[in-house]
Protein backbone atom coordinates (compact mmCIF):
# COMPACT_ATOMS: atom_id res chain seq x y z
CA UNK A 1 -36.96 -1.74 -24.84
CA UNK A 2 -40.01 0.46 -24.48
CA UNK A 3 -39.96 3.01 -21.66
CA UNK A 4 -42.72 5.24 -20.32
CA UNK A 5 -41.48 8.52 -18.87
CA UNK A 6 -44.07 10.66 -17.13
CA UNK A 7 -43.23 14.33 -16.71
CA UNK A 8 -41.03 14.13 -19.81
CA UNK A 9 -41.09 17.90 -20.40
CA UNK A 10 -39.89 18.62 -16.88
CA UNK A 11 -36.30 19.28 -15.87
CA UNK A 12 -35.38 15.74 -14.87
CA UNK A 13 -37.78 14.08 -17.30
CA UNK A 14 -36.17 15.87 -20.23
CA UNK A 15 -32.68 14.85 -19.16
CA UNK A 16 -33.65 11.21 -18.64
CA UNK A 17 -35.34 10.97 -22.04
CA UNK A 18 -32.42 12.65 -23.76
CA UNK A 19 -29.93 10.33 -22.07
CA UNK A 20 -31.81 7.12 -22.86
CA UNK A 21 -32.27 8.10 -26.50
CA UNK A 22 -28.60 8.86 -27.12
CA UNK A 23 -27.05 6.43 -29.61
CA UNK A 24 -29.57 3.75 -28.67
CA UNK A 25 -31.87 2.68 -31.48
CA UNK A 26 -33.17 -0.23 -29.39
CA UNK A 27 -34.87 2.09 -26.87
CA UNK A 28 -38.14 3.81 -27.62
CA UNK A 29 -39.66 6.29 -25.20
CA UNK A 30 -43.27 7.22 -24.73
CA UNK A 31 -43.33 10.55 -22.96
CA UNK A 32 -46.36 12.05 -21.25
CA UNK A 33 -46.73 15.49 -19.72
CA UNK A 34 -49.57 17.90 -18.99
CA UNK A 35 -47.43 20.98 -19.79
CA UNK A 36 -49.02 22.83 -16.87
CA UNK A 37 -48.24 26.45 -16.10
CA UNK A 38 -46.56 26.00 -12.72
CA UNK A 39 -43.56 27.58 -14.45
CA UNK A 40 -42.88 28.74 -18.02
CA UNK A 41 -44.59 26.54 -20.58
CA UNK A 42 -42.11 27.95 -23.08
CA UNK A 43 -39.28 26.14 -21.33
CA UNK A 44 -41.20 22.86 -21.39
CA UNK A 45 -42.08 23.25 -25.06
CA UNK A 46 -38.44 24.02 -25.84
CA UNK A 47 -37.36 20.78 -24.14
CA UNK A 48 -40.04 18.83 -26.01
CA UNK A 49 -39.00 20.29 -29.35
CA UNK A 50 -35.52 18.96 -28.73
CA UNK A 51 -36.74 15.47 -27.75
CA UNK A 52 -39.07 15.21 -30.77
CA UNK A 53 -36.06 15.35 -33.09
CA UNK A 54 -35.45 11.71 -32.18
CA UNK A 55 -37.62 9.24 -34.11
CA UNK A 56 -37.74 6.92 -31.08
CA UNK A 57 -39.58 9.48 -28.97
CA UNK A 58 -43.38 9.70 -28.97
CA UNK A 59 -45.22 12.32 -26.95
CA UNK A 60 -48.72 12.45 -25.47
CA UNK A 61 -50.00 15.65 -23.90
CA UNK A 62 -52.12 14.34 -21.04
CA UNK A 63 -52.55 14.78 -17.32
CA UNK A 64 -51.98 11.47 -15.54
CA UNK A 65 -54.97 12.23 -13.33
CA UNK A 66 -57.11 11.63 -16.45
CA UNK A 67 -57.87 7.95 -15.99
CA UNK A 68 -59.33 7.27 -19.46
CA UNK A 69 -56.54 8.91 -21.44
CA UNK A 70 -53.82 7.22 -19.41
CA UNK A 71 -55.48 3.83 -19.78
CA UNK A 72 -55.60 4.28 -23.55
CA UNK A 73 -51.82 4.76 -23.64
CA UNK A 74 -51.30 1.59 -21.63
CA UNK A 75 -53.65 -0.30 -23.96
CA UNK A 76 -51.66 0.85 -26.99
CA UNK A 77 -48.18 0.19 -25.60
CA UNK A 78 -46.45 -2.55 -23.68
CA UNK A 79 -43.83 -1.08 -21.40
CA UNK A 80 -40.83 -2.79 -19.85
CA UNK A 81 -39.79 0.20 -17.77
CA UNK A 82 -41.75 3.04 -16.21
CA UNK A 83 -39.93 6.12 -14.95
CA UNK A 84 -42.49 8.17 -13.07
CA UNK A 85 -41.45 11.80 -12.61
CA UNK A 86 -44.71 13.65 -13.18
CA UNK A 87 -45.96 15.47 -10.10
CA UNK A 88 -47.05 18.84 -8.91
CA UNK A 89 -43.78 20.27 -7.67
CA UNK A 90 -42.98 22.99 -5.17
CA UNK A 91 -43.13 22.89 -1.41
CA UNK A 92 -44.34 26.48 -1.08
CA UNK A 93 -46.93 26.21 -3.84
CA UNK A 94 -48.69 23.53 -1.78
CA UNK A 95 -49.86 26.23 0.62
CA UNK A 96 -51.59 28.08 -2.23
CA UNK A 97 -53.06 25.21 -4.22
CA UNK A 98 -53.24 21.98 -2.20
CA UNK A 99 -55.85 20.43 -4.50
CA UNK A 100 -53.39 20.24 -7.41
CA UNK A 101 -51.16 17.98 -5.31
CA UNK A 102 -54.01 15.60 -4.60
CA UNK A 103 -54.91 15.41 -8.31
CA UNK A 104 -51.42 14.82 -9.67
CA UNK A 105 -49.43 13.30 -6.82
CA UNK A 106 -52.15 11.02 -5.47
CA UNK A 107 -54.87 10.45 -8.07
CA UNK A 108 -52.40 10.43 -10.95
CA UNK A 109 -50.08 8.08 -9.07
CA UNK A 110 -52.94 5.68 -8.32
CA UNK A 111 -53.98 5.73 -11.99
CA UNK A 112 -50.49 4.65 -12.98
CA UNK A 113 -50.42 1.86 -10.42
CA UNK A 114 -53.85 0.64 -11.53
CA UNK A 115 -52.61 0.24 -15.11
CA UNK A 116 -49.70 -1.96 -14.02
CA UNK A 117 -52.09 -4.90 -13.67
CA UNK A 118 -52.60 -5.29 -17.41
CA UNK A 119 -49.15 -4.39 -18.71
CA UNK A 120 -45.76 -6.04 -19.08
CA UNK A 121 -43.78 -3.72 -16.79
CA UNK A 122 -40.64 -5.16 -15.18
CA UNK A 123 -39.37 -2.09 -13.31
CA UNK A 124 -41.14 0.94 -11.92
CA UNK A 125 -38.79 3.76 -10.89
CA UNK A 126 -40.47 6.72 -9.27
CA UNK A 127 -39.53 10.11 -7.84
CA UNK A 128 -39.89 10.62 -4.13
CA UNK A 129 -38.29 13.53 -2.31
CA UNK A 130 -35.88 14.48 0.45
CA UNK A 131 -38.76 16.51 1.85
CA UNK A 132 -40.24 13.34 3.40
CA UNK A 133 -37.60 13.67 6.15
CA UNK A 134 -39.04 16.99 7.28
CA UNK A 135 -37.10 19.26 9.65
CA UNK A 136 -34.15 17.04 10.51
CA UNK A 137 -32.10 17.13 13.67
CA UNK A 138 -29.80 14.21 12.94
CA UNK A 139 -27.61 14.22 9.83
CA UNK A 140 -26.93 12.82 7.36
CA UNK A 141 -30.47 11.58 6.81
CA UNK A 142 -30.53 7.92 5.86
CA UNK A 143 -33.22 5.72 4.35
CA UNK A 144 -33.66 3.90 7.67
CA UNK A 145 -34.81 7.07 9.46
CA UNK A 146 -38.50 7.57 10.14
CA UNK A 147 -39.94 10.16 7.71
CA UNK A 148 -41.61 13.22 9.21
CA UNK A 149 -43.20 15.25 6.40
CA UNK A 150 -44.25 18.77 7.36
CA UNK A 151 -46.29 19.86 4.34
CA UNK A 152 -48.75 18.57 1.73
CA UNK A 153 -46.10 18.05 -0.95
CA UNK A 154 -43.88 15.87 1.23
CA UNK A 155 -46.92 14.01 2.59
CA UNK A 156 -48.02 13.05 -0.93
CA UNK A 157 -44.52 11.78 -1.71
CA UNK A 158 -44.44 9.63 1.42
CA UNK A 159 -47.91 8.28 0.60
CA UNK A 160 -46.62 7.29 -2.84
CA UNK A 161 -43.90 5.26 -1.15
CA UNK A 162 -46.42 3.54 1.12
CA UNK A 163 -48.75 2.73 -1.78
CA UNK A 164 -45.90 1.06 -3.67
CA UNK A 165 -44.64 -0.73 -0.58
CA UNK A 166 -48.06 -2.36 -0.20
CA UNK A 167 -48.54 -3.04 -3.91
CA UNK A 168 -45.14 -4.71 -4.21
CA UNK A 169 -46.42 -7.52 -1.98
CA UNK A 170 -48.82 -8.68 -4.71
CA UNK A 171 -46.76 -7.85 -7.79
CA UNK A 172 -43.73 -9.27 -9.59
CA UNK A 173 -42.61 -5.80 -10.67
CA UNK A 174 -39.43 -4.35 -9.14
CA UNK A 175 -40.18 -0.98 -7.55
CA UNK A 176 -37.57 1.66 -6.77
CA UNK A 177 -38.29 4.98 -5.07
CA UNK A 178 -35.71 7.75 -5.31
CA UNK A 179 -35.59 10.50 -2.69
CA UNK A 180 -34.08 13.34 -4.67
CA UNK A 181 -32.14 16.14 -2.94
CA UNK A 182 -32.10 19.55 -4.74
CA UNK A 183 -31.21 18.63 -8.32
CA UNK A 184 -29.43 21.26 -10.43
CA UNK A 185 -27.99 21.50 -13.93
CA UNK A 186 -28.73 22.79 -17.43
CA UNK A 187 -32.42 23.12 -18.36
CA UNK A 188 -33.17 23.43 -14.65
CA UNK A 189 -36.41 24.69 -13.18
CA UNK A 190 -36.56 28.52 -13.11
CA UNK A 191 -38.30 28.45 -9.72
CA UNK A 192 -35.34 26.77 -8.04
CA UNK A 193 -32.69 28.72 -6.12
CA UNK A 194 -29.77 28.73 -8.55
CA UNK A 195 -31.66 29.84 -11.65
CA UNK A 196 -33.73 32.34 -9.68
CA UNK A 197 -30.46 33.88 -8.52
CA UNK A 198 -28.98 33.93 -12.02
CA UNK A 199 -32.12 35.47 -13.47
CA UNK A 200 -31.99 38.28 -10.93
CA UNK A 201 -28.35 38.89 -11.82
CA UNK A 202 -28.76 38.99 -15.60
CA UNK A 203 -31.99 41.00 -15.48
CA UNK A 204 -30.59 43.23 -12.71
CA UNK A 205 -33.53 42.59 -10.42
CA UNK A 206 -33.67 42.15 -6.67
CA UNK A 207 -33.20 38.65 -5.29
CA UNK A 208 -35.20 37.86 -2.18
CA UNK A 209 -33.04 35.69 0.05
CA UNK A 210 -35.09 33.48 2.33
CA UNK A 211 -34.09 33.18 6.00
CA UNK A 212 -31.32 35.72 5.36
CA UNK A 213 -29.39 32.97 3.56
CA UNK A 214 -29.00 30.77 6.62
CA UNK A 215 -29.82 27.54 4.83
CA UNK A 216 -27.80 24.46 3.91
CA UNK A 217 -28.76 22.37 0.90
CA UNK A 218 -27.54 19.04 -0.45
CA UNK A 219 -27.18 19.88 -4.16
CA UNK A 220 -27.19 16.95 -6.61
CA UNK A 221 -26.06 17.33 -10.22
CA UNK A 222 -28.53 16.10 -12.83
CA UNK A 223 -25.76 14.10 -14.54
CA UNK A 224 -25.37 12.04 -11.37
CA UNK A 225 -29.12 11.43 -11.34
CA UNK A 226 -29.08 10.32 -14.98
CA UNK A 227 -26.22 7.94 -14.28
CA UNK A 228 -28.06 6.41 -11.33
CA UNK A 229 -31.30 5.85 -13.24
CA UNK A 230 -29.44 4.28 -16.17
CA UNK A 231 -27.64 1.92 -13.82
CA UNK A 232 -30.91 0.99 -12.12
CA UNK A 233 -32.51 0.21 -15.48
CA UNK A 234 -29.62 -2.07 -16.45
CA UNK A 235 -29.10 -3.73 -13.07
CA UNK A 236 -30.60 -7.12 -12.33
CA UNK A 237 -32.73 -6.46 -9.27
CA UNK A 238 -33.95 -9.09 -6.84
CA UNK A 239 -35.64 -7.07 -4.12
CA UNK A 240 -39.24 -6.10 -4.89
CA UNK A 241 -39.20 -2.69 -3.25
CA UNK A 242 -36.37 -0.33 -2.36
CA UNK A 243 -35.91 3.30 -1.41
CA UNK A 244 -32.71 5.23 -2.11
CA UNK A 245 -31.47 8.72 -1.34
CA UNK A 246 -30.05 10.46 -4.39
CA UNK A 247 -27.75 13.16 -3.04
CA UNK A 248 -24.17 14.35 -2.87
CA UNK A 249 -23.89 13.92 0.93
CA UNK A 250 -22.43 17.42 0.99
CA UNK A 251 -24.59 20.23 2.42
CA UNK A 252 -23.71 23.62 0.93
CA UNK A 253 -24.13 27.06 2.47
CA UNK A 254 -26.49 29.22 0.42
CA UNK A 255 -24.43 32.29 1.33
CA UNK A 256 -21.24 30.62 0.06
CA UNK A 257 -23.01 29.68 -3.15
CA UNK A 258 -24.15 33.25 -3.72
CA UNK A 259 -20.59 34.46 -3.13
CA UNK A 260 -19.17 32.08 -5.74
CA UNK A 261 -21.84 32.91 -8.32
CA UNK A 262 -21.10 36.61 -7.76
CA UNK A 263 -17.41 36.03 -8.48
CA UNK A 264 -18.14 34.04 -11.64
CA UNK A 265 -20.53 36.66 -12.99
CA UNK A 266 -18.49 39.60 -11.69
CA UNK A 267 -21.59 41.13 -10.16
CA UNK A 268 -22.97 42.12 -6.80
CA UNK A 269 -26.53 40.75 -6.77
CA UNK A 270 -29.23 42.99 -5.36
CA UNK A 271 -29.93 40.88 -2.29
CA UNK A 272 -33.01 41.56 -0.19
CA UNK A 273 -32.91 39.41 2.94
CA UNK A 274 -36.28 38.18 4.21
CA UNK A 275 -37.40 36.02 7.09
CA UNK A 276 -37.72 32.28 6.80
CA UNK A 277 -40.65 30.85 4.85
CA UNK A 278 -42.72 28.49 6.96
CA UNK A 279 -42.68 25.76 4.29
CA UNK A 280 -38.87 25.51 4.17
CA UNK A 281 -36.56 23.35 6.25
CA UNK A 282 -33.26 24.75 7.47
CA UNK A 283 -31.02 21.98 6.24
CA UNK A 284 -30.98 19.03 3.88
CA UNK A 285 -28.16 16.54 4.09
CA UNK A 286 -28.66 13.00 2.88
CA UNK A 287 -26.52 9.91 3.16
CA UNK A 288 -25.69 8.41 -0.22
CA UNK A 289 -23.90 5.35 1.18
CA UNK A 290 -26.70 2.97 0.22
CA UNK A 291 -26.96 3.97 -3.45
CA UNK A 292 -23.17 4.16 -3.86
CA UNK A 293 -22.75 0.67 -2.54
CA UNK A 294 -25.68 -0.75 -4.49
CA UNK A 295 -24.52 0.65 -7.84
CA UNK A 296 -20.77 0.78 -7.17
CA UNK A 297 -20.57 4.56 -7.49
CA UNK A 298 -17.38 6.26 -6.34
CA UNK A 299 -18.04 10.01 -6.27
CA UNK A 300 -20.71 12.63 -6.84
CA UNK A 301 -20.11 15.99 -8.49
CA UNK A 302 -19.31 19.04 -6.37
CA UNK A 303 -21.49 22.05 -7.18
CA UNK A 304 -18.61 24.51 -6.87
CA UNK A 305 -16.79 22.69 -9.66
CA UNK A 306 -19.92 22.78 -11.84
CA UNK A 307 -20.95 26.41 -11.39
CA UNK A 308 -18.92 27.92 -14.24
CA UNK A 309 -20.33 25.69 -17.03
CA UNK A 310 -23.87 26.10 -15.67
CA UNK A 311 -23.59 29.89 -15.53
CA UNK A 312 -22.14 29.95 -19.05
CA UNK A 313 -24.93 27.70 -20.32
CA UNK A 314 -27.58 29.88 -18.69
CA UNK A 315 -26.08 33.02 -20.19
CA UNK A 316 -25.51 31.57 -23.67
CA UNK A 317 -29.00 30.09 -23.93
CA UNK A 318 -30.52 33.30 -22.57
CA UNK A 319 -32.55 31.25 -20.13
CA UNK A 320 -33.22 34.38 -18.11
CA UNK A 321 -35.70 35.52 -20.77
CA UNK A 322 -38.22 32.88 -19.69
């Protein structure tokens, strides 16, 4: 089986590639990534170095918005599965550099879809986001609810869904969109809450706490995400297009999380409370009933049970140096 993974040097992309390559000589992965500087390129290169140890992994450094280079890859390889994770991330960053979201999240996405016409793809699994729900008032948020994006990032993700919904009407490919809710775990993004907090602790810097900590987030362990994607790859799928939430269905208080991390690290973080950022929603809480039923999943990991190994990993790998 030949799999294309876009965004392979990213947090989730790295984990998916690593998981699919484990003890599986029948799977070969073509990974593409632009290695942009949205966050430390050193982290991305470190992930890539690890993946390149496997002979079944082949890497191309390209931006998917580059139509000619992407087309060349499709001409040279026949893919059965595409896992599309490449995108310009960050809700807040969209206020500073909206053009980058149009290039990667729209133009790049359309380039991928255009290449499906001449390839042998059977399944196309792509990353959407919980941000398409916007500022919710009714929880948990389910796939049947009408999306209400409130920023450029979430709008591009919803547009991706609509593009695929339309394209699925003229294609035999099975399309699956995954609305991810705050993924965490080893090799995580340094711009996300948990690792930003840990970095401030280990470097003894101030941590700026948005909205005075009055947020709730539905944290989803990366191992649960890996498990879901593997099951979706293996599952015989009949429906042409589906959207799933990928979440724990368990909103967590940011203040409670800080308290537990403080106990584990035996520190009192230098917290500086600031007012709410206009790009952030107050609460994320997704329903995972649909994906659990579809894939026969029983439970999702609880972040409070996973904090100790994550903190130890972060400390041991000296991730705070990036």
